[in-house]
mmCIF file of all heavy atoms, coordinates in Angstrom:
data_MODEL
# 
_entry.id   MODEL 
# 
loop_
_atom_site.group_PDB 
_atom_site.id 
_atom_site.type_symbol 
_atom_site.label_atom_id 
_atom_site.label_alt_id 
_atom_site.label_comp_id 
_atom_site.label_asym_id 
_atom_site.label_entity_id 
_atom_site.label_seq_id 
_atom_site.pdbx_PDB_ins_code 
_atom_site.Cartn_x 
_atom_site.Cartn_y 
_atom_site.Cartn_z 
_atom_site.occupancy 
_atom_site.B_iso_or_equiv 
_atom_site.pdbx_formal_charge 
_atom_site.auth_seq_id 
_atom_site.auth_comp_id 
_atom_site.auth_asym_id 
_atom_site.auth_atom_id 
_atom_site.pdbx_PDB_model_num 
ATOM 1   N N   . SER A 1 1  ? -65.379 93.322  -0.999  1.00 0.00 ? 1  SER A N   1 
ATOM 2   C CA  . SER A 1 1  ? -64.979 94.547  -0.308  1.00 0.00 ? 1  SER A CA  1 
ATOM 3   C C   . SER A 1 1  ? -66.014 94.937  0.724   1.00 0.00 ? 1  SER A C   1 
ATOM 4   O O   . SER A 1 1  ? -67.003 94.243  0.895   1.00 0.00 ? 1  SER A O   1 
ATOM 5   C CB  . SER A 1 1  ? -64.757 95.700  -1.341  1.00 0.00 ? 1  SER A CB  1 
ATOM 6   O OG  . SER A 1 1  ? -66.001 96.226  -1.717  1.00 0.00 ? 1  SER A OG  1 
ATOM 7   N N   . ASP A 1 2  ? -65.737 96.038  1.434   1.00 0.00 ? 2  ASP A N   1 
ATOM 8   C CA  . ASP A 1 2  ? -66.679 96.486  2.468   1.00 0.00 ? 2  ASP A CA  1 
ATOM 9   C C   . ASP A 1 2  ? -67.773 97.364  1.859   1.00 0.00 ? 2  ASP A C   1 
ATOM 10  O O   . ASP A 1 2  ? -68.694 97.766  2.597   1.00 0.00 ? 2  ASP A O   1 
ATOM 11  C CB  . ASP A 1 2  ? -65.943 97.276  3.565   1.00 0.00 ? 2  ASP A CB  1 
ATOM 12  C CG  . ASP A 1 2  ? -64.987 96.410  4.288   1.00 0.00 ? 2  ASP A CG  1 
ATOM 13  O OD1 . ASP A 1 2  ? -65.233 95.220  4.437   1.00 0.00 ? 2  ASP A OD1 1 
ATOM 14  O OD2 . ASP A 1 2  ? -63.930 96.941  4.745   1.00 0.00 ? 2  ASP A OD2 1 
ATOM 15  N N   . THR A 1 3  ? -67.649 97.730  0.627   1.00 0.00 ? 3  THR A N   1 
ATOM 16  C CA  . THR A 1 3  ? -68.642 98.561  -0.005  1.00 0.00 ? 3  THR A CA  1 
ATOM 17  C C   . THR A 1 3  ? -69.165 97.898  -1.274  1.00 0.00 ? 3  THR A C   1 
ATOM 18  O O   . THR A 1 3  ? -68.536 97.021  -1.840  1.00 0.00 ? 3  THR A O   1 
ATOM 19  C CB  . THR A 1 3  ? -68.053 99.940  -0.367  1.00 0.00 ? 3  THR A CB  1 
ATOM 20  O OG1 . THR A 1 3  ? -66.903 99.737  -1.270  1.00 0.00 ? 3  THR A OG1 1 
ATOM 21  C CG2 . THR A 1 3  ? -67.601 100.668 0.860   1.00 0.00 ? 3  THR A CG2 1 
ATOM 22  N N   . ALA A 1 4  ? -70.333 98.333  -1.734  1.00 0.00 ? 4  ALA A N   1 
ATOM 23  C CA  . ALA A 1 4  ? -70.973 97.745  -2.913  1.00 0.00 ? 4  ALA A CA  1 
ATOM 24  C C   . ALA A 1 4  ? -70.157 97.989  -4.156  1.00 0.00 ? 4  ALA A C   1 
ATOM 25  O O   . ALA A 1 4  ? -69.911 97.071  -4.946  1.00 0.00 ? 4  ALA A O   1 
ATOM 26  C CB  . ALA A 1 4  ? -72.394 98.286  -3.071  1.00 0.00 ? 4  ALA A CB  1 
ATOM 27  N N   . ILE A 1 5  ? -69.684 99.257  -4.350  1.00 0.00 ? 5  ILE A N   1 
ATOM 28  C CA  . ILE A 1 5  ? -68.972 99.590  -5.572  1.00 0.00 ? 5  ILE A CA  1 
ATOM 29  C C   . ILE A 1 5  ? -67.458 99.396  -5.326  1.00 0.00 ? 5  ILE A C   1 
ATOM 30  O O   . ILE A 1 5  ? -66.903 99.912  -4.403  1.00 0.00 ? 5  ILE A O   1 
ATOM 31  C CB  . ILE A 1 5  ? -69.252 101.059 -5.966  1.00 0.00 ? 5  ILE A CB  1 
ATOM 32  C CG1 . ILE A 1 5  ? -70.730 101.237 -6.293  1.00 0.00 ? 5  ILE A CG1 1 
ATOM 33  C CG2 . ILE A 1 5  ? -68.397 101.439 -7.168  1.00 0.00 ? 5  ILE A CG2 1 
ATOM 34  C CD1 . ILE A 1 5  ? -71.135 102.638 -6.643  1.00 0.00 ? 5  ILE A CD1 1 
ATOM 35  N N   . ILE A 1 6  ? -66.892 98.582  -6.212  1.00 0.00 ? 6  ILE A N   1 
ATOM 36  C CA  . ILE A 1 6  ? -65.407 98.365  -6.210  1.00 0.00 ? 6  ILE A CA  1 
ATOM 37  C C   . ILE A 1 6  ? -64.845 99.177  -7.371  1.00 0.00 ? 6  ILE A C   1 
ATOM 38  O O   . ILE A 1 6  ? -65.177 98.952  -8.520  1.00 0.00 ? 6  ILE A O   1 
ATOM 39  C CB  . ILE A 1 6  ? -65.068 96.894  -6.383  1.00 0.00 ? 6  ILE A CB  1 
ATOM 40  C CG1 . ILE A 1 6  ? -65.762 96.035  -5.313  1.00 0.00 ? 6  ILE A CG1 1 
ATOM 41  C CG2 . ILE A 1 6  ? -63.588 96.690  -6.391  1.00 0.00 ? 6  ILE A CG2 1 
ATOM 42  C CD1 . ILE A 1 6  ? -65.627 94.555  -5.543  1.00 0.00 ? 6  ILE A CD1 1 
ATOM 43  N N   . HIS A 1 7  ? -63.975 100.113 -7.048  1.00 0.00 ? 7  HIS A N   1 
ATOM 44  C CA  . HIS A 1 7  ? -63.334 100.914 -8.068  1.00 0.00 ? 7  HIS A CA  1 
ATOM 45  C C   . HIS A 1 7  ? -62.023 100.286 -8.461  1.00 0.00 ? 7  HIS A C   1 
ATOM 46  O O   . HIS A 1 7  ? -61.016 100.274 -7.740  1.00 0.00 ? 7  HIS A O   1 
ATOM 47  C CB  . HIS A 1 7  ? -63.059 102.331 -7.585  1.00 0.00 ? 7  HIS A CB  1 
ATOM 48  C CG  . HIS A 1 7  ? -64.319 103.133 -7.457  1.00 0.00 ? 7  HIS A CG  1 
ATOM 49  N ND1 . HIS A 1 7  ? -64.973 103.707 -8.529  1.00 0.00 ? 7  HIS A ND1 1 
ATOM 50  C CD2 . HIS A 1 7  ? -65.046 103.476 -6.350  1.00 0.00 ? 7  HIS A CD2 1 
ATOM 51  C CE1 . HIS A 1 7  ? -66.051 104.382 -8.135  1.00 0.00 ? 7  HIS A CE1 1 
ATOM 52  N NE2 . HIS A 1 7  ? -66.106 104.257 -6.815  1.00 0.00 ? 7  HIS A NE2 1 
ATOM 53  N N   . GLY A 1 8  ? -62.004 99.632  -9.654  1.00 0.00 ? 8  GLY A N   1 
ATOM 54  C CA  . GLY A 1 8  ? -60.842 98.947  -10.112 1.00 0.00 ? 8  GLY A CA  1 
ATOM 55  C C   . GLY A 1 8  ? -59.671 99.907  -10.300 1.00 0.00 ? 8  GLY A C   1 
ATOM 56  O O   . GLY A 1 8  ? -58.499 99.586  -9.999  1.00 0.00 ? 8  GLY A O   1 
ATOM 57  N N   . VAL A 1 9  ? -59.978 101.087 -10.749 1.00 0.00 ? 9  VAL A N   1 
ATOM 58  C CA  . VAL A 1 9  ? -58.978 102.128 -10.934 1.00 0.00 ? 9  VAL A CA  1 
ATOM 59  C C   . VAL A 1 9  ? -59.309 103.282 -9.975  1.00 0.00 ? 9  VAL A C   1 
ATOM 60  O O   . VAL A 1 9  ? -60.317 103.996 -10.191 1.00 0.00 ? 9  VAL A O   1 
ATOM 61  C CB  . VAL A 1 9  ? -58.943 102.631 -12.385 1.00 0.00 ? 9  VAL A CB  1 
ATOM 62  C CG1 . VAL A 1 9  ? -57.870 103.683 -12.566 1.00 0.00 ? 9  VAL A CG1 1 
ATOM 63  C CG2 . VAL A 1 9  ? -58.724 101.479 -13.363 1.00 0.00 ? 9  VAL A CG2 1 
ATOM 64  N N   . GLU A 1 10 ? -58.536 103.436 -8.924  1.00 0.00 ? 10 GLU A N   1 
ATOM 65  C CA  . GLU A 1 10 ? -58.827 104.428 -7.925  1.00 0.00 ? 10 GLU A CA  1 
ATOM 66  C C   . GLU A 1 10 ? -58.737 105.866 -8.427  1.00 0.00 ? 10 GLU A C   1 
ATOM 67  O O   . GLU A 1 10 ? -59.498 106.750 -8.071  1.00 0.00 ? 10 GLU A O   1 
ATOM 68  C CB  . GLU A 1 10 ? -57.910 104.256 -6.717  1.00 0.00 ? 10 GLU A CB  1 
ATOM 69  C CG  . GLU A 1 10 ? -58.136 102.916 -5.988  1.00 0.00 ? 10 GLU A CG  1 
ATOM 70  C CD  . GLU A 1 10 ? -57.116 102.651 -4.916  1.00 0.00 ? 10 GLU A CD  1 
ATOM 71  O OE1 . GLU A 1 10 ? -56.210 103.509 -4.723  1.00 0.00 ? 10 GLU A OE1 1 
ATOM 72  O OE2 . GLU A 1 10 ? -57.208 101.605 -4.235  1.00 0.00 ? 10 GLU A OE2 1 
ATOM 73  N N   . GLU A 1 11 ? -57.808 106.112 -9.327  1.00 0.00 ? 11 GLU A N   1 
ATOM 74  C CA  . GLU A 1 11 ? -57.636 107.449 -9.933  1.00 0.00 ? 11 GLU A CA  1 
ATOM 75  C C   . GLU A 1 11 ? -57.785 107.315 -11.421 1.00 0.00 ? 11 GLU A C   1 
ATOM 76  O O   . GLU A 1 11 ? -56.845 107.489 -12.217 1.00 0.00 ? 11 GLU A O   1 
ATOM 77  C CB  . GLU A 1 11 ? -56.282 108.007 -9.525  1.00 0.00 ? 11 GLU A CB  1 
ATOM 78  C CG  . GLU A 1 11 ? -56.076 108.211 -8.014  1.00 0.00 ? 11 GLU A CG  1 
ATOM 79  C CD  . GLU A 1 11 ? -54.773 108.820 -7.647  1.00 0.00 ? 11 GLU A CD  1 
ATOM 80  O OE1 . GLU A 1 11 ? -53.971 109.089 -8.560  1.00 0.00 ? 11 GLU A OE1 1 
ATOM 81  O OE2 . GLU A 1 11 ? -54.537 109.052 -6.485  1.00 0.00 ? 11 GLU A OE2 1 
ATOM 82  N N   . SER A 1 12 ? -59.030 107.098 -11.858 1.00 0.00 ? 12 SER A N   1 
ATOM 83  C CA  . SER A 1 12 ? -59.291 106.825 -13.272 1.00 0.00 ? 12 SER A CA  1 
ATOM 84  C C   . SER A 1 12 ? -58.950 108.007 -14.143 1.00 0.00 ? 12 SER A C   1 
ATOM 85  O O   . SER A 1 12 ? -58.465 107.838 -15.274 1.00 0.00 ? 12 SER A O   1 
ATOM 86  C CB  . SER A 1 12 ? -60.766 106.432 -13.494 1.00 0.00 ? 12 SER A CB  1 
ATOM 87  O OG  . SER A 1 12 ? -61.666 107.398 -12.958 1.00 0.00 ? 12 SER A OG  1 
ATOM 88  N N   . GLU A 1 13 ? -59.200 109.221 -13.661 1.00 0.00 ? 13 GLU A N   1 
ATOM 89  C CA  . GLU A 1 13 ? -58.912 110.413 -14.474 1.00 0.00 ? 13 GLU A CA  1 
ATOM 90  C C   . GLU A 1 13 ? -57.412 110.500 -14.743 1.00 0.00 ? 13 GLU A C   1 
ATOM 91  O O   . GLU A 1 13 ? -57.024 110.835 -15.852 1.00 0.00 ? 13 GLU A O   1 
ATOM 92  C CB  . GLU A 1 13 ? -59.383 111.664 -13.723 1.00 0.00 ? 13 GLU A CB  1 
ATOM 93  C CG  . GLU A 1 13 ? -59.224 112.968 -14.539 1.00 0.00 ? 13 GLU A CG  1 
ATOM 94  C CD  . GLU A 1 13 ? -59.762 114.204 -13.863 1.00 0.00 ? 13 GLU A CD  1 
ATOM 95  O OE1 . GLU A 1 13 ? -60.419 114.043 -12.793 1.00 0.00 ? 13 GLU A OE1 1 
ATOM 96  O OE2 . GLU A 1 13 ? -59.560 115.323 -14.385 1.00 0.00 ? 13 GLU A OE2 1 
ATOM 97  N N   . LYS A 1 14 ? -56.579 110.261 -13.677 1.00 0.00 ? 14 LYS A N   1 
ATOM 98  C CA  . LYS A 1 14 ? -55.146 110.305 -13.877 1.00 0.00 ? 14 LYS A CA  1 
ATOM 99  C C   . LYS A 1 14 ? -54.665 109.217 -14.869 1.00 0.00 ? 14 LYS A C   1 
ATOM 100 O O   . LYS A 1 14 ? -53.818 109.504 -15.732 1.00 0.00 ? 14 LYS A O   1 
ATOM 101 C CB  . LYS A 1 14 ? -54.424 110.101 -12.544 1.00 0.00 ? 14 LYS A CB  1 
ATOM 102 C CG  . LYS A 1 14 ? -52.910 110.258 -12.596 1.00 0.00 ? 14 LYS A CG  1 
ATOM 103 C CD  . LYS A 1 14 ? -52.290 110.011 -11.251 1.00 0.00 ? 14 LYS A CD  1 
ATOM 104 C CE  . LYS A 1 14 ? -52.635 111.129 -10.287 1.00 0.00 ? 14 LYS A CE  1 
ATOM 105 N NZ  . LYS A 1 14 ? -51.924 111.017 -8.971  1.00 0.00 ? 14 LYS A NZ  1 
ATOM 106 N N   . LEU A 1 15 ? -55.256 108.017 -14.791 1.00 0.00 ? 15 LEU A N   1 
ATOM 107 C CA  . LEU A 1 15 ? -54.879 106.943 -15.716 1.00 0.00 ? 15 LEU A CA  1 
ATOM 108 C C   . LEU A 1 15 ? -55.256 107.327 -17.149 1.00 0.00 ? 15 LEU A C   1 
ATOM 109 O O   . LEU A 1 15 ? -54.426 107.153 -18.074 1.00 0.00 ? 15 LEU A O   1 
ATOM 110 C CB  . LEU A 1 15 ? -55.568 105.654 -15.341 1.00 0.00 ? 15 LEU A CB  1 
ATOM 111 C CG  . LEU A 1 15 ? -55.331 104.467 -16.315 1.00 0.00 ? 15 LEU A CG  1 
ATOM 112 C CD1 . LEU A 1 15 ? -53.889 104.072 -16.397 1.00 0.00 ? 15 LEU A CD1 1 
ATOM 113 C CD2 . LEU A 1 15 ? -56.231 103.288 -15.891 1.00 0.00 ? 15 LEU A CD2 1 
ATOM 114 N N   . LEU A 1 16 ? -56.434 107.849 -17.328 1.00 0.00 ? 16 LEU A N   1 
ATOM 115 C CA  . LEU A 1 16 ? -56.873 108.186 -18.681 1.00 0.00 ? 16 LEU A CA  1 
ATOM 116 C C   . LEU A 1 16 ? -55.988 109.303 -19.279 1.00 0.00 ? 16 LEU A C   1 
ATOM 117 O O   . LEU A 1 16 ? -55.696 109.299 -20.450 1.00 0.00 ? 16 LEU A O   1 
ATOM 118 C CB  . LEU A 1 16 ? -58.349 108.620 -18.678 1.00 0.00 ? 16 LEU A CB  1 
ATOM 119 C CG  . LEU A 1 16 ? -59.351 107.519 -18.379 1.00 0.00 ? 16 LEU A CG  1 
ATOM 120 C CD1 . LEU A 1 16 ? -60.766 108.070 -18.282 1.00 0.00 ? 16 LEU A CD1 1 
ATOM 121 C CD2 . LEU A 1 16 ? -59.304 106.458 -19.491 1.00 0.00 ? 16 LEU A CD2 1 
ATOM 122 N N   . ASN A 1 17 ? -55.596 110.252 -18.460 1.00 0.00 ? 17 ASN A N   1 
ATOM 123 C CA  . ASN A 1 17 ? -54.695 111.294 -18.912 1.00 0.00 ? 17 ASN A CA  1 
ATOM 124 C C   . ASN A 1 17 ? -53.361 110.700 -19.345 1.00 0.00 ? 17 ASN A C   1 
ATOM 125 O O   . ASN A 1 17 ? -52.786 111.143 -20.346 1.00 0.00 ? 17 ASN A O   1 
ATOM 126 C CB  . ASN A 1 17 ? -54.481 112.331 -17.814 1.00 0.00 ? 17 ASN A CB  1 
ATOM 127 C CG  . ASN A 1 17 ? -55.690 113.227 -17.582 1.00 0.00 ? 17 ASN A CG  1 
ATOM 128 O OD1 . ASN A 1 17 ? -56.533 113.396 -18.466 1.00 0.00 ? 17 ASN A OD1 1 
ATOM 129 N ND2 . ASN A 1 17 ? -55.800 113.837 -16.424 1.00 0.00 ? 17 ASN A ND2 1 
ATOM 130 N N   . ARG A 1 18 ? -52.856 109.732 -18.631 1.00 0.00 ? 18 ARG A N   1 
ATOM 131 C CA  . ARG A 1 18 ? -51.590 109.055 -18.956 1.00 0.00 ? 18 ARG A CA  1 
ATOM 132 C C   . ARG A 1 18 ? -51.704 108.241 -20.237 1.00 0.00 ? 18 ARG A C   1 
ATOM 133 O O   . ARG A 1 18 ? -50.790 108.215 -21.024 1.00 0.00 ? 18 ARG A O   1 
ATOM 134 C CB  . ARG A 1 18 ? -51.141 108.170 -17.786 1.00 0.00 ? 18 ARG A CB  1 
ATOM 135 C CG  . ARG A 1 18 ? -49.848 107.409 -18.020 1.00 0.00 ? 18 ARG A CG  1 
ATOM 136 C CD  . ARG A 1 18 ? -48.683 108.371 -18.119 1.00 0.00 ? 18 ARG A CD  1 
ATOM 137 N NE  . ARG A 1 18 ? -47.477 107.691 -18.497 1.00 0.00 ? 18 ARG A NE  1 
ATOM 138 C CZ  . ARG A 1 18 ? -47.082 107.468 -19.770 1.00 0.00 ? 18 ARG A CZ  1 
ATOM 139 N NH1 . ARG A 1 18 ? -47.855 107.954 -20.788 1.00 0.00 ? 18 ARG A NH1 1 
ATOM 140 N NH2 . ARG A 1 18 ? -45.944 106.878 -20.058 1.00 0.00 ? 18 ARG A NH2 1 
ATOM 141 N N   . LEU A 1 19 ? -52.858 107.625 -20.435 1.00 0.00 ? 19 LEU A N   1 
ATOM 142 C CA  . LEU A 1 19 ? -53.027 106.782 -21.602 1.00 0.00 ? 19 LEU A CA  1 
ATOM 143 C C   . LEU A 1 19 ? -53.419 107.555 -22.854 1.00 0.00 ? 19 LEU A C   1 
ATOM 144 O O   . LEU A 1 19 ? -53.442 106.977 -23.982 1.00 0.00 ? 19 LEU A O   1 
ATOM 145 C CB  . LEU A 1 19 ? -54.114 105.723 -21.290 1.00 0.00 ? 19 LEU A CB  1 
ATOM 146 C CG  . LEU A 1 19 ? -53.739 104.635 -20.269 1.00 0.00 ? 19 LEU A CG  1 
ATOM 147 C CD1 . LEU A 1 19 ? -54.944 103.760 -19.994 1.00 0.00 ? 19 LEU A CD1 1 
ATOM 148 C CD2 . LEU A 1 19 ? -52.569 103.792 -20.734 1.00 0.00 ? 19 LEU A CD2 1 
ATOM 149 N N   . GLU A 1 20 ? -53.715 108.812 -22.700 1.00 0.00 ? 20 GLU A N   1 
ATOM 150 C CA  . GLU A 1 20 ? -54.203 109.588 -23.832 1.00 0.00 ? 20 GLU A CA  1 
ATOM 151 C C   . GLU A 1 20 ? -53.189 109.595 -25.000 1.00 0.00 ? 20 GLU A C   1 
ATOM 152 O O   . GLU A 1 20 ? -53.572 109.587 -26.150 1.00 0.00 ? 20 GLU A O   1 
ATOM 153 C CB  . GLU A 1 20 ? -54.489 111.044 -23.432 1.00 0.00 ? 20 GLU A CB  1 
ATOM 154 C CG  . GLU A 1 20 ? -55.147 111.897 -24.513 1.00 0.00 ? 20 GLU A CG  1 
ATOM 155 C CD  . GLU A 1 20 ? -55.583 113.262 -24.022 1.00 0.00 ? 20 GLU A CD  1 
ATOM 156 O OE1 . GLU A 1 20 ? -55.931 113.405 -22.807 1.00 0.00 ? 20 GLU A OE1 1 
ATOM 157 O OE2 . GLU A 1 20 ? -55.515 114.222 -24.784 1.00 0.00 ? 20 GLU A OE2 1 
ATOM 158 N N   . GLU A 1 21 ? -51.920 109.538 -24.691 1.00 0.00 ? 21 GLU A N   1 
ATOM 159 C CA  . GLU A 1 21 ? -50.889 109.574 -25.728 1.00 0.00 ? 21 GLU A CA  1 
ATOM 160 C C   . GLU A 1 21 ? -50.923 108.320 -26.585 1.00 0.00 ? 21 GLU A C   1 
ATOM 161 O O   . GLU A 1 21 ? -50.419 108.304 -27.719 1.00 0.00 ? 21 GLU A O   1 
ATOM 162 C CB  . GLU A 1 21 ? -49.503 109.694 -25.118 1.00 0.00 ? 21 GLU A CB  1 
ATOM 163 C CG  . GLU A 1 21 ? -49.030 108.507 -24.239 1.00 0.00 ? 21 GLU A CG  1 
ATOM 164 C CD  . GLU A 1 21 ? -47.673 108.675 -23.636 1.00 0.00 ? 21 GLU A CD  1 
ATOM 165 O OE1 . GLU A 1 21 ? -46.672 108.313 -24.356 1.00 0.00 ? 21 GLU A OE1 1 
ATOM 166 O OE2 . GLU A 1 21 ? -47.586 109.164 -22.521 1.00 0.00 ? 21 GLU A OE2 1 
ATOM 167 N N   . TYR A 1 22 ? -51.536 107.237 -26.090 1.00 0.00 ? 22 TYR A N   1 
ATOM 168 C CA  . TYR A 1 22 ? -51.620 106.010 -26.807 1.00 0.00 ? 22 TYR A CA  1 
ATOM 169 C C   . TYR A 1 22 ? -52.883 105.914 -27.694 1.00 0.00 ? 22 TYR A C   1 
ATOM 170 O O   . TYR A 1 22 ? -53.013 105.038 -28.521 1.00 0.00 ? 22 TYR A O   1 
ATOM 171 C CB  . TYR A 1 22 ? -51.600 104.789 -25.875 1.00 0.00 ? 22 TYR A CB  1 
ATOM 172 C CG  . TYR A 1 22 ? -50.291 104.640 -25.144 1.00 0.00 ? 22 TYR A CG  1 
ATOM 173 C CD1 . TYR A 1 22 ? -50.150 105.035 -23.841 1.00 0.00 ? 22 TYR A CD1 1 
ATOM 174 C CD2 . TYR A 1 22 ? -49.180 104.067 -25.767 1.00 0.00 ? 22 TYR A CD2 1 
ATOM 175 C CE1 . TYR A 1 22 ? -48.950 104.914 -23.139 1.00 0.00 ? 22 TYR A CE1 1 
ATOM 176 C CE2 . TYR A 1 22 ? -47.991 103.914 -25.108 1.00 0.00 ? 22 TYR A CE2 1 
ATOM 177 C CZ  . TYR A 1 22 ? -47.856 104.347 -23.804 1.00 0.00 ? 22 TYR A CZ  1 
ATOM 178 O OH  . TYR A 1 22 ? -46.681 104.181 -23.106 1.00 0.00 ? 22 TYR A OH  1 
ATOM 179 N N   . LEU A 1 23 ? -53.851 106.820 -27.488 1.00 0.00 ? 23 LEU A N   1 
ATOM 180 C CA  . LEU A 1 23 ? -55.112 106.739 -28.210 1.00 0.00 ? 23 LEU A CA  1 
ATOM 181 C C   . LEU A 1 23 ? -54.907 106.715 -29.718 1.00 0.00 ? 23 LEU A C   1 
ATOM 182 O O   . LEU A 1 23 ? -55.639 105.995 -30.432 1.00 0.00 ? 23 LEU A O   1 
ATOM 183 C CB  . LEU A 1 23 ? -56.035 107.887 -27.792 1.00 0.00 ? 23 LEU A CB  1 
ATOM 184 C CG  . LEU A 1 23 ? -56.834 107.690 -26.493 1.00 0.00 ? 23 LEU A CG  1 
ATOM 185 C CD1 . LEU A 1 23 ? -57.582 108.939 -26.140 1.00 0.00 ? 23 LEU A CD1 1 
ATOM 186 C CD2 . LEU A 1 23 ? -57.786 106.524 -26.670 1.00 0.00 ? 23 LEU A CD2 1 
ATOM 187 N N   . PRO A 1 24 ? -54.010 107.484 -30.341 1.00 0.00 ? 24 PRO A N   1 
ATOM 188 C CA  . PRO A 1 24 ? -53.838 107.437 -31.789 1.00 0.00 ? 24 PRO A CA  1 
ATOM 189 C C   . PRO A 1 24 ? -53.441 106.068 -32.326 1.00 0.00 ? 24 PRO A C   1 
ATOM 190 O O   . PRO A 1 24 ? -53.607 105.782 -33.496 1.00 0.00 ? 24 PRO A O   1 
ATOM 191 C CB  . PRO A 1 24 ? -52.771 108.471 -32.080 1.00 0.00 ? 24 PRO A CB  1 
ATOM 192 C CG  . PRO A 1 24 ? -52.860 109.432 -30.916 1.00 0.00 ? 24 PRO A CG  1 
ATOM 193 C CD  . PRO A 1 24 ? -53.179 108.585 -29.726 1.00 0.00 ? 24 PRO A CD  1 
# 
């Protein structure tokens, strides 16, 4: 990429909120 840090998940907070229902 053009930057050192590559963010695999651009909106990680949104993804984690969506996956929270699967945590149990």
